[in-house]
Amino acid sequence: MLRRKSMWRGWRWLTIAIVCSGMLAATAGNVLARDLRLATTTSTDNSGLLGYLLPRFEAAHGIKVIVISVGTGKALKLGENGDVDVVLVHSRPDEDRFIEQEHGVNRRDVMYNDFVIVGPLVDPAALRGGRDAVKAFGKIMDARSVFVSRGDDSGTHKMELRYWSELGKQPTGNSGYRSAGRGMGEVLLMASELSAYALTDRATFYAMKDKVDLEILVQGDPRLFNPYGVMAVNPAKYPDINFDAAMRFIDWLTSSQGQQAISEFKVDGKQLFFPNAAP
């Protein structure tokens, strides 16, 4: 009788152990199988780049990517809060700070393009043909022309504020200054409607140029250089992030296959992003 009870206890504990191990395995499987959450800038989305790249990554790795397209500041905040797995942005000082504060790991260079200043064909501030971004901002202010700012803590907005700072002026000193709090595509539409100037990444402008009555007026200033970086959210701070999928995405994006895909993406035959990952 004692032996029968002992055997029953043994079988009961074995059953519990099997059930628990199955639950743990299922939980682990869900973490591994969960979609990859990517926080990125509106420029990579509005330009069509992500629509070109992600199907190739998903086909190669069987990982579905959920895109959260916001400004750089908001994208980094999502990473800081552990709400996404990987971040692709374009503001190097903020990226470095993100890593230094241990919110992210494994940052890598991915690609670059450039910013341009666009405006109406009539060009009231006489910017056409200029190559000095800061000087152009000064002319916009002196002419009291309408300028539409992203106003959303994006990488583009941060770059714009640096130009105003170099100029030594507050942009709000211009009565024509409009802070939109919108993504790049929406800002271009707004600038077109208002016959205004705007700072934009070249890729988004080319993707939308048939929808707006704007043209590139200032380009070629080294200060308009626009590099992008990718990094995983720190798994030491957020163990539940899909770190495996994040690293697969980073590795693919910076691999020869990912870099080639970036260089092959074109709009109207123009290459809009240039790969620069370290070999």
C-alpha atoms as a PDB file:
ATOM      1  CA  MET A   1       0.000   0.000   0.000  1.00  0.00           C
ATOM      2  CA  LEU A   2       2.830   2.385   0.898  1.00  0.00           C
ATOM      3  CA  ARG A   3       4.592   1.520  -2.331  1.00  0.00           C
ATOM      4  CA  ARG A   4       1.421   2.258  -4.333  1.00  0.00           C
ATOM      5  CA  LYS A   5       1.092   5.706  -2.667  1.00  0.00           C
ATOM      6  CA  SER A   6       4.758   6.396  -3.302  1.00  0.00           C
ATOM      7  CA  MET A   7       4.381   5.469  -6.963  1.00  0.00           C
ATOM      8  CA  TRP A   8       1.279   7.698  -7.229  1.00  0.00           C
ATOM      9  CA  ARG A   9       3.183  10.646  -5.746  1.00  0.00           C
ATOM     10  CA  GLY A  10       6.014  10.006  -8.192  1.00  0.00           C
ATOM     11  CA  TRP A  11       3.692   9.919 -11.199  1.00  0.00           C
ATOM     12  CA  ARG A  12       1.889  13.064  -9.981  1.00  0.00           C
ATOM     13  CA  TRP A  13       5.108  15.059  -9.680  1.00  0.00           C
ATOM     14  CA  LEU A  14       6.318  13.753 -13.040  1.00  0.00           C
ATOM     15  CA  THR A  15       3.041  14.868 -14.648  1.00  0.00           C
ATOM     16  CA  ILE A  16       3.335  18.325 -13.065  1.00  0.00           C
ATOM     17  CA  ALA A  17       6.933  18.603 -14.261  1.00  0.00           C
ATOM     18  CA  ILE A  18       5.960  17.637 -17.804  1.00  0.00           C
ATOM     19  CA  VAL A  19       3.084  20.132 -17.873  1.00  0.00           C
ATOM     20  CA  CYS A  20       5.277  22.929 -16.493  1.00  0.00           C
ATOM     21  CA  SER A  21       8.080  22.213 -18.924  1.00  0.00           C
ATOM     22  CA  GLY A  22       5.553  22.238 -21.746  1.00  0.00           C
ATOM     23  CA  MET A  23       4.239  25.613 -20.626  1.00  0.00           C
ATOM     24  CA  LEU A  24       7.756  27.022 -20.448  1.00  0.00           C
ATOM     25  CA  ALA A  25       8.554  25.680 -23.886  1.00  0.00           C
ATOM     26  CA  ALA A  26       5.376  27.200 -25.278  1.00  0.00           C
ATOM     27  CA  THR A  27       6.190  30.551 -23.681  1.00  0.00           C
ATOM     28  CA  ALA A  28       9.713  30.482 -25.076  1.00  0.00           C
ATOM     29  CA  GLY A  29       8.312  29.527 -28.457  1.00  0.00           C
ATOM     30  CA  ASN A  30       5.974  32.510 -28.393  1.00  0.00           C
ATOM     31  CA  VAL A  31       8.873  34.865 -27.627  1.00  0.00           C
ATOM     32  CA  LEU A  32      10.922  33.430 -30.475  1.00  0.00           C
ATOM     33  CA  ALA A  33       7.997  33.409 -32.893  1.00  0.00           C
ATOM     34  CA  ARG A  34       6.710  36.889 -32.075  1.00  0.00           C
ATOM     35  CA  ASP A  35       6.806  39.495 -34.822  1.00  0.00           C
ATOM     36  CA  LEU A  36       9.746  41.907 -34.860  1.00  0.00           C
ATOM     37  CA  ARG A  37       8.747  45.415 -33.770  1.00  0.00           C
ATOM     38  CA  LEU A  38      10.712  48.085 -35.639  1.00  0.00           C
ATOM     39  CA  ALA A  39      10.552  51.756 -34.632  1.00  0.00           C
ATOM     40  CA  THR A  40      11.858  53.912 -37.443  1.00  0.00           C
ATOM     41  CA  THR A  41      11.677  57.338 -39.003  1.00  0.00           C
ATOM     42  CA  THR A  42       8.924  58.476 -41.325  1.00  0.00           C
ATOM     43  CA  SER A  43      11.533  59.100 -44.032  1.00  0.00           C
ATOM     44  CA  THR A  44      12.346  55.400 -44.426  1.00  0.00           C
ATOM     45  CA  ASP A  45       8.619  54.686 -44.653  1.00  0.00           C
ATOM     46  CA  ASN A  46       7.392  57.650 -46.739  1.00  0.00           C
ATOM     47  CA  SER A  47      10.193  57.177 -49.271  1.00  0.00           C
ATOM     48  CA  GLY A  48       9.139  53.596 -49.988  1.00  0.00           C
ATOM     49  CA  LEU A  49      12.445  52.131 -48.780  1.00  0.00           C
ATOM     50  CA  LEU A  50      10.915  49.871 -46.133  1.00  0.00           C
ATOM     51  CA  GLY A  51       8.335  48.613 -48.597  1.00  0.00           C
ATOM     52  CA  TYR A  52      11.254  47.512 -50.759  1.00  0.00           C
ATOM     53  CA  LEU A  53      13.536  46.065 -48.072  1.00  0.00           C
ATOM     54  CA  LEU A  54      11.255  44.307 -45.602  1.00  0.00           C
ATOM     55  CA  PRO A  55       9.701  41.718 -47.941  1.00  0.00           C
ATOM     56  CA  ARG A  56      13.232  40.577 -48.782  1.00  0.00           C
ATOM     57  CA  PHE A  57      14.197  40.233 -45.124  1.00  0.00           C
ATOM     58  CA  GLU A  58      10.932  38.501 -44.240  1.00  0.00           C
ATOM     59  CA  ALA A  59      11.344  36.015 -47.089  1.00  0.00           C
ATOM     60  CA  ALA A  60      14.927  35.246 -46.073  1.00  0.00           C
ATOM     61  CA  HIS A  61      14.243  34.785 -42.345  1.00  0.00           C
ATOM     62  CA  GLY A  62      10.549  34.019 -41.964  1.00  0.00           C
ATOM     63  CA  ILE A  63      10.149  36.921 -39.531  1.00  0.00           C
ATOM     64  CA  LYS A  64       7.257  39.366 -39.883  1.00  0.00           C
ATOM     65  CA  VAL A  65       8.228  42.990 -39.226  1.00  0.00           C
ATOM     66  CA  ILE A  66       5.738  45.362 -37.616  1.00  0.00           C
ATOM     67  CA  VAL A  67       6.703  48.948 -38.493  1.00  0.00           C
ATOM     68  CA  ILE A  68       6.076  51.870 -36.153  1.00  0.00           C
ATOM     69  CA  SER A  69       6.861  54.961 -38.223  1.00  0.00           C
ATOM     70  CA  VAL A  70       7.486  58.059 -36.093  1.00  0.00           C
ATOM     71  CA  GLY A  71      10.096  60.757 -35.657  1.00  0.00           C
ATOM     72  CA  THR A  72      13.541  59.799 -34.363  1.00  0.00           C
ATOM     73  CA  GLY A  73      12.871  61.161 -30.858  1.00  0.00           C
ATOM     74  CA  LYS A  74       9.685  59.131 -30.503  1.00  0.00           C
ATOM     75  CA  ALA A  75      11.326  56.036 -32.007  1.00  0.00           C
ATOM     76  CA  LEU A  76      14.126  56.197 -29.442  1.00  0.00           C
ATOM     77  CA  LYS A  77      11.587  56.732 -26.665  1.00  0.00           C
ATOM     78  CA  LEU A  78       9.778  53.561 -27.727  1.00  0.00           C
ATOM     79  CA  GLY A  79      13.096  51.737 -27.494  1.00  0.00           C
ATOM     80  CA  GLU A  80      13.881  53.299 -24.130  1.00  0.00           C
ATOM     81  CA  ASN A  81      10.538  52.021 -22.808  1.00  0.00           C
ATOM     82  CA  GLY A  82      11.058  48.529 -24.206  1.00  0.00           C
ATOM     83  CA  ASP A  83       8.030  48.874 -26.486  1.00  0.00           C
ATOM     84  CA  VAL A  84       9.952  47.797 -29.603  1.00  0.00           C
ATOM     85  CA  ASP A  85      12.780  45.390 -30.398  1.00  0.00           C
ATOM     86  CA  VAL A  86      14.938  47.366 -32.821  1.00  0.00           C
ATOM     87  CA  VAL A  87      15.348  51.027 -33.807  1.00  0.00           C
ATOM     88  CA  LEU A  88      16.391  52.537 -37.164  1.00  0.00           C
ATOM     89  CA  VAL A  89      16.906  56.316 -36.932  1.00  0.00           C
ATOM     90  CA  HIS A  90      19.002  59.263 -38.145  1.00  0.00           C
ATOM     91  CA  SER A  91      20.358  61.460 -35.375  1.00  0.00           C
ATOM     92  CA  ARG A  92      23.843  60.319 -34.396  1.00  0.00           C
ATOM     93  CA  PRO A  93      24.174  62.331 -31.147  1.00  0.00           C
ATOM     94  CA  ASP A  94      20.891  60.891 -29.889  1.00  0.00           C
ATOM     95  CA  GLU A  95      21.841  57.395 -31.027  1.00  0.00           C
ATOM     96  CA  ASP A  96      25.131  57.608 -29.118  1.00  0.00           C
ATOM     97  CA  ARG A  97      23.288  58.835 -26.032  1.00  0.00           C
ATOM     98  CA  PHE A  98      20.822  55.936 -26.366  1.00  0.00           C
ATOM     99  CA  ILE A  99      23.738  53.483 -26.291  1.00  0.00           C
ATOM    100  CA  GLU A 100      25.605  55.294 -23.491  1.00  0.00           C
ATOM    101  CA  GLN A 101      22.491  55.180 -21.304  1.00  0.00           C
ATOM    102  CA  GLU A 102      22.301  51.426 -21.982  1.00  0.00           C
ATOM    103  CA  HIS A 103      18.892  51.545 -23.637  1.00  0.00           C
ATOM    104  CA  GLY A 104      20.319  49.921 -26.755  1.00  0.00           C
ATOM    105  CA  VAL A 105      23.131  47.660 -27.916  1.00  0.00           C
ATOM    106  CA  ASN A 106      24.986  46.757 -31.111  1.00  0.00           C
ATOM    107  CA  ARG A 107      24.579  50.037 -32.982  1.00  0.00           C
ATOM    108  CA  ARG A 108      25.751  49.898 -36.581  1.00  0.00           C
ATOM    109  CA  ASP A 109      25.955  52.323 -39.473  1.00  0.00           C
ATOM    110  CA  VAL A 110      23.515  51.387 -42.228  1.00  0.00           C
ATOM    111  CA  MET A 111      23.266  54.037 -44.944  1.00  0.00           C
ATOM    112  CA  TYR A 112      23.106  57.736 -45.660  1.00  0.00           C
ATOM    113  CA  ASN A 113      21.424  60.256 -47.888  1.00  0.00           C
ATOM    114  CA  ASP A 114      21.127  64.013 -47.562  1.00  0.00           C
ATOM    115  CA  PHE A 115      18.761  66.785 -46.626  1.00  0.00           C
ATOM    116  CA  VAL A 116      17.659  69.459 -49.070  1.00  0.00           C
ATOM    117  CA  ILE A 117      15.756  72.709 -48.688  1.00  0.00           C
ATOM    118  CA  VAL A 118      12.692  72.824 -50.903  1.00  0.00           C
ATOM    119  CA  GLY A 119      10.347  75.658 -51.658  1.00  0.00           C
ATOM    120  CA  PRO A 120       7.849  77.152 -54.104  1.00  0.00           C
ATOM    121  CA  LEU A 121       8.752  77.882 -57.709  1.00  0.00           C
ATOM    122  CA  VAL A 122       8.419  81.636 -57.137  1.00  0.00           C
ATOM    123  CA  ASP A 123      11.140  81.391 -54.435  1.00  0.00           C
ATOM    124  CA  PRO A 124      10.416  84.648 -52.522  1.00  0.00           C
ATOM    125  CA  ALA A 125      13.568  84.337 -50.378  1.00  0.00           C
ATOM    126  CA  ALA A 126      15.783  83.853 -53.472  1.00  0.00           C
ATOM    127  CA  LEU A 127      17.358  80.584 -52.353  1.00  0.00           C
ATOM    128  CA  ARG A 128      17.621  78.854 -55.735  1.00  0.00           C
ATOM    129  CA  GLY A 129      21.059  77.426 -56.479  1.00  0.00           C
ATOM    130  CA  GLY A 130      22.383  77.946 -52.964  1.00  0.00           C
ATOM    131  CA  ARG A 131      24.734  75.499 -51.242  1.00  0.00           C
ATOM    132  CA  ASP A 132      24.816  76.969 -47.719  1.00  0.00           C
ATOM    133  CA  ALA A 133      21.968  75.678 -45.530  1.00  0.00           C
ATOM    134  CA  VAL A 134      22.508  78.126 -42.673  1.00  0.00           C
ATOM    135  CA  LYS A 135      22.698  81.112 -45.010  1.00  0.00           C
ATOM    136  CA  ALA A 136      19.471  79.906 -46.648  1.00  0.00           C
ATOM    137  CA  PHE A 137      17.725  79.818 -43.279  1.00  0.00           C
ATOM    138  CA  GLY A 138      18.858  83.390 -42.685  1.00  0.00           C
ATOM    139  CA  LYS A 139      17.402  84.502 -46.020  1.00  0.00           C
ATOM    140  CA  ILE A 140      14.092  82.802 -45.203  1.00  0.00           C
ATOM    141  CA  MET A 141      13.939  84.694 -41.920  1.00  0.00           C
ATOM    142  CA  ASP A 142      14.947  88.029 -43.463  1.00  0.00           C
ATOM    143  CA  ALA A 143      12.249  87.669 -46.127  1.00  0.00           C
ATOM    144  CA  ARG A 144       9.723  86.585 -43.490  1.00  0.00           C
ATOM    145  CA  SER A 145       8.808  83.722 -45.780  1.00  0.00           C
ATOM    146  CA  VAL A 146       6.664  80.831 -44.620  1.00  0.00           C
ATOM    147  CA  PHE A 147       8.685  77.849 -43.385  1.00  0.00           C
ATOM    148  CA  VAL A 148       7.027  74.585 -42.332  1.00  0.00           C
ATOM    149  CA  SER A 149       8.929  72.720 -39.619  1.00  0.00           C
ATOM    150  CA  ARG A 150       8.456  69.078 -38.712  1.00  0.00           C
ATOM    151  CA  GLY A 151       8.146  70.192 -35.081  1.00  0.00           C
ATOM    152  CA  ASP A 152       8.055  66.572 -33.933  1.00  0.00           C
ATOM    153  CA  ASP A 153      11.488  65.881 -32.373  1.00  0.00           C
ATOM    154  CA  SER A 154      12.415  63.878 -35.473  1.00  0.00           C
ATOM    155  CA  GLY A 155      15.933  63.638 -36.878  1.00  0.00           C
ATOM    156  CA  THR A 156      14.947  66.182 -39.516  1.00  0.00           C
ATOM    157  CA  HIS A 157      13.565  68.538 -36.872  1.00  0.00           C
ATOM    158  CA  LYS A 158      16.717  68.180 -34.764  1.00  0.00           C
ATOM    159  CA  MET A 159      18.868  68.996 -37.800  1.00  0.00           C
ATOM    160  CA  GLU A 160      16.735  72.046 -38.584  1.00  0.00           C
ATOM    161  CA  LEU A 161      17.170  73.327 -35.018  1.00  0.00           C
ATOM    162  CA  ARG A 162      20.956  72.978 -35.356  1.00  0.00           C
ATOM    163  CA  TYR A 163      20.892  75.253 -38.401  1.00  0.00           C
ATOM    164  CA  TRP A 164      18.869  77.890 -36.555  1.00  0.00           C
ATOM    165  CA  SER A 165      21.307  77.593 -33.649  1.00  0.00           C
ATOM    166  CA  GLU A 166      24.295  78.105 -35.978  1.00  0.00           C
ATOM    167  CA  LEU A 167      22.522  81.131 -37.378  1.00  0.00           C
ATOM    168  CA  GLY A 168      22.108  82.474 -33.851  1.00  0.00           C
ATOM    169  CA  LYS A 169      18.396  83.052 -34.348  1.00  0.00           C
ATOM    170  CA  GLN A 170      15.194  81.684 -32.859  1.00  0.00           C
ATOM    171  CA  PRO A 171      12.962  80.347 -35.648  1.00  0.00           C
ATOM    172  CA  THR A 172       9.871  81.601 -33.874  1.00  0.00           C
ATOM    173  CA  GLY A 173      11.161  85.108 -34.548  1.00  0.00           C
ATOM    174  CA  ASN A 174       9.837  84.648 -38.075  1.00  0.00           C
ATOM    175  CA  SER A 175       6.083  85.241 -38.228  1.00  0.00           C
ATOM    176  CA  GLY A 176       5.947  82.791 -41.136  1.00  0.00           C
ATOM    177  CA  TYR A 177       7.299  79.877 -39.082  1.00  0.00           C
ATOM    178  CA  ARG A 178       4.863  76.954 -38.825  1.00  0.00           C
ATOM    179  CA  SER A 179       5.479  73.990 -36.506  1.00  0.00           C
ATOM    180  CA  ALA A 180       3.468  71.117 -37.969  1.00  0.00           C
ATOM    181  CA  GLY A 181       4.130  68.262 -35.543  1.00  0.00           C
ATOM    182  CA  ARG A 182       3.794  65.917 -38.530  1.00  0.00           C
ATOM    183  CA  GLY A 183       5.743  63.378 -40.536  1.00  0.00           C
ATOM    184  CA  MET A 184       7.823  64.313 -43.561  1.00  0.00           C
ATOM    185  CA  GLY A 185       5.230  63.494 -46.192  1.00  0.00           C
ATOM    186  CA  GLU A 186       2.550  65.548 -44.480  1.00  0.00           C
ATOM    187  CA  VAL A 187       4.931  68.480 -44.033  1.00  0.00           C
ATOM    188  CA  LEU A 188       5.712  68.505 -47.755  1.00  0.00           C
ATOM    189  CA  LEU A 189       2.013  68.558 -48.596  1.00  0.00           C
ATOM    190  CA  MET A 190       1.488  71.389 -46.112  1.00  0.00           C
ATOM    191  CA  ALA A 191       4.444  73.363 -47.513  1.00  0.00           C
ATOM    192  CA  SER A 192       3.065  72.937 -51.008  1.00  0.00           C
ATOM    193  CA  GLU A 193      -0.358  74.225 -49.979  1.00  0.00           C
ATOM    194  CA  LEU A 194       1.180  77.246 -48.232  1.00  0.00           C
ATOM    195  CA  SER A 195       3.818  77.955 -50.927  1.00  0.00           C
ATOM    196  CA  ALA A 196       6.338  77.543 -48.127  1.00  0.00           C
ATOM    197  CA  TYR A 197       9.880  76.341 -47.594  1.00  0.00           C
ATOM    198  CA  ALA A 198      10.799  73.132 -45.767  1.00  0.00           C
ATOM    199  CA  LEU A 199      13.785  71.009 -44.848  1.00  0.00           C
ATOM    200  CA  THR A 200      13.344  67.446 -46.081  1.00  0.00           C
ATOM    201  CA  ASP A 201      15.349  64.333 -46.734  1.00  0.00           C
ATOM    202  CA  ARG A 202      15.913  63.927 -50.463  1.00  0.00           C
ATOM    203  CA  ALA A 203      14.365  60.444 -50.586  1.00  0.00           C
ATOM    204  CA  THR A 204      10.953  61.497 -49.299  1.00  0.00           C
ATOM    205  CA  PHE A 205      10.907  64.520 -51.589  1.00  0.00           C
ATOM    206  CA  TYR A 206      11.564  62.419 -54.686  1.00  0.00           C
ATOM    207  CA  ALA A 207       8.938  59.910 -53.601  1.00  0.00           C
ATOM    208  CA  MET A 208       6.381  62.754 -53.336  1.00  0.00           C
ATOM    209  CA  LYS A 209       7.511  65.266 -55.936  1.00  0.00           C
ATOM    210  CA  ASP A 210       4.569  64.543 -58.253  1.00  0.00           C
ATOM    211  CA  LYS A 211       2.163  65.420 -55.428  1.00  0.00           C
ATOM    212  CA  VAL A 212       3.635  68.804 -54.491  1.00  0.00           C
ATOM    213  CA  ASP A 213       4.406  72.123 -56.185  1.00  0.00           C
ATOM    214  CA  LEU A 214       7.879  72.406 -54.683  1.00  0.00           C
ATOM    215  CA  GLU A 215      11.408  72.147 -55.988  1.00  0.00           C
ATOM    216  CA  ILE A 216      14.860  71.604 -54.527  1.00  0.00           C
ATOM    217  CA  LEU A 217      16.446  75.019 -54.023  1.00  0.00           C
ATOM    218  CA  VAL A 218      19.427  74.365 -51.733  1.00  0.00           C
ATOM    219  CA  GLN A 219      21.607  71.239 -51.731  1.00  0.00           C
ATOM    220  CA  GLY A 220      25.206  70.114 -51.517  1.00  0.00           C
ATOM    221  CA  ASP A 221      26.150  71.615 -48.132  1.00  0.00           C
ATOM    222  CA  PRO A 222      28.198  69.050 -46.130  1.00  0.00           C
ATOM    223  CA  ARG A 223      26.035  69.987 -43.142  1.00  0.00           C
ATOM    224  CA  LEU A 224      23.095  68.409 -44.989  1.00  0.00           C
ATOM    225  CA  PHE A 225      24.655  64.937 -44.667  1.00  0.00           C
ATOM    226  CA  ASN A 226      22.091  62.512 -43.215  1.00  0.00           C
ATOM    227  CA  PRO A 227      23.407  59.167 -41.831  1.00  0.00           C
ATOM    228  CA  TYR A 228      21.222  56.361 -40.469  1.00  0.00           C
ATOM    229  CA  GLY A 229      21.984  53.873 -37.699  1.00  0.00           C
ATOM    230  CA  VAL A 230      20.302  50.713 -36.433  1.00  0.00           C
ATOM    231  CA  MET A 231      20.465  49.216 -32.926  1.00  0.00           C
ATOM    232  CA  ALA A 232      18.741  46.592 -30.827  1.00  0.00           C
ATOM    233  CA  VAL A 233      16.952  47.416 -27.602  1.00  0.00           C
ATOM    234  CA  ASN A 234      19.013  46.221 -24.629  1.00  0.00           C
ATOM    235  CA  PRO A 235      17.820  42.723 -23.587  1.00  0.00           C
ATOM    236  CA  ALA A 236      19.466  43.170 -20.182  1.00  0.00           C
ATOM    237  CA  LYS A 237      16.894  45.893 -19.433  1.00  0.00           C
ATOM    238  CA  TYR A 238      14.000  44.254 -21.253  1.00  0.00           C
ATOM    239  CA  PRO A 239      14.360  40.443 -21.315  1.00  0.00           C
ATOM    240  CA  ASP A 240      11.051  40.039 -23.153  1.00  0.00           C
ATOM    241  CA  ILE A 241      12.129  41.818 -26.333  1.00  0.00           C
ATOM    242  CA  ASN A 242      12.660  39.701 -29.429  1.00  0.00           C
ATOM    243  CA  PHE A 243      16.424  40.114 -29.344  1.00  0.00           C
ATOM    244  CA  ASP A 244      17.138  37.159 -31.618  1.00  0.00           C
ATOM    245  CA  ALA A 245      14.953  38.616 -34.376  1.00  0.00           C
ATOM    246  CA  ALA A 246      16.383  42.107 -33.772  1.00  0.00           C
ATOM    247  CA  MET A 247      19.928  40.849 -34.320  1.00  0.00           C
ATOM    248  CA  ARG A 248      18.907  38.900 -37.399  1.00  0.00           C
ATOM    249  CA  PHE A 249      17.462  42.086 -38.833  1.00  0.00           C
ATOM    250  CA  ILE A 250      20.565  44.128 -37.963  1.00  0.00           C
ATOM    251  CA  ASP A 251      22.862  41.462 -39.396  1.00  0.00           C
ATOM    252  CA  TRP A 252      20.825  41.240 -42.610  1.00  0.00           C
ATOM    253  CA  LEU A 253      20.538  45.016 -43.045  1.00  0.00           C
ATOM    254  CA  THR A 254      24.311  45.429 -42.733  1.00  0.00           C
ATOM    255  CA  SER A 255      25.176  42.299 -44.733  1.00  0.00           C
ATOM    256  CA  SER A 256      26.144  42.348 -48.404  1.00  0.00           C
ATOM    257  CA  GLN A 257      22.585  41.288 -49.283  1.00  0.00           C
ATOM    258  CA  GLY A 258      20.949  44.066 -47.255  1.00  0.00           C
ATOM    259  CA  GLN A 259      23.416  46.692 -48.423  1.00  0.00           C
ATOM    260  CA  GLN A 260      22.899  45.705 -52.041  1.00  0.00           C
ATOM    261  CA  ALA A 261      19.123  45.951 -51.594  1.00  0.00           C
ATOM    262  CA  ILE A 262      19.539  49.483 -50.202  1.00  0.00           C
ATOM    263  CA  SER A 263      21.643  50.534 -53.192  1.00  0.00           C
ATOM    264  CA  GLU A 264      19.150  48.991 -55.623  1.00  0.00           C
ATOM    265  CA  PHE A 265      16.188  50.966 -54.275  1.00  0.00           C
ATOM    266  CA  LYS A 266      15.421  53.783 -56.697  1.00  0.00           C
ATOM    267  CA  VAL A 267      12.635  56.244 -57.421  1.00  0.00           C
ATOM    268  CA  ASP A 268      12.379  57.399 -61.048  1.00  0.00           C
ATOM    269  CA  GLY A 269      15.757  55.811 -61.662  1.00  0.00           C
ATOM    270  CA  LYS A 270      17.463  57.782 -58.879  1.00  0.00           C
ATOM    271  CA  GLN A 271      19.315  56.068 -56.034  1.00  0.00           C
ATOM    272  CA  LEU A 272      18.090  57.662 -52.811  1.00  0.00           C
ATOM    273  CA  PHE A 273      19.995  55.831 -50.063  1.00  0.00           C
ATOM    274  CA  PHE A 274      23.662  54.859 -50.069  1.00  0.00           C
ATOM    275  CA  PRO A 275      24.871  51.886 -47.990  1.00  0.00           C
ATOM    276  CA  ASN A 276      27.760  52.507 -45.593  1.00  0.00           C
ATOM    277  CA  ALA A 277      27.828  49.580 -43.159  1.00  0.00           C
ATOM    278  CA  ALA A 278      31.292  48.557 -41.989  1.00  0.00           C
ATOM    279  CA  PRO A 279      32.511  45.451 -43.865  1.00  0.00           C
END
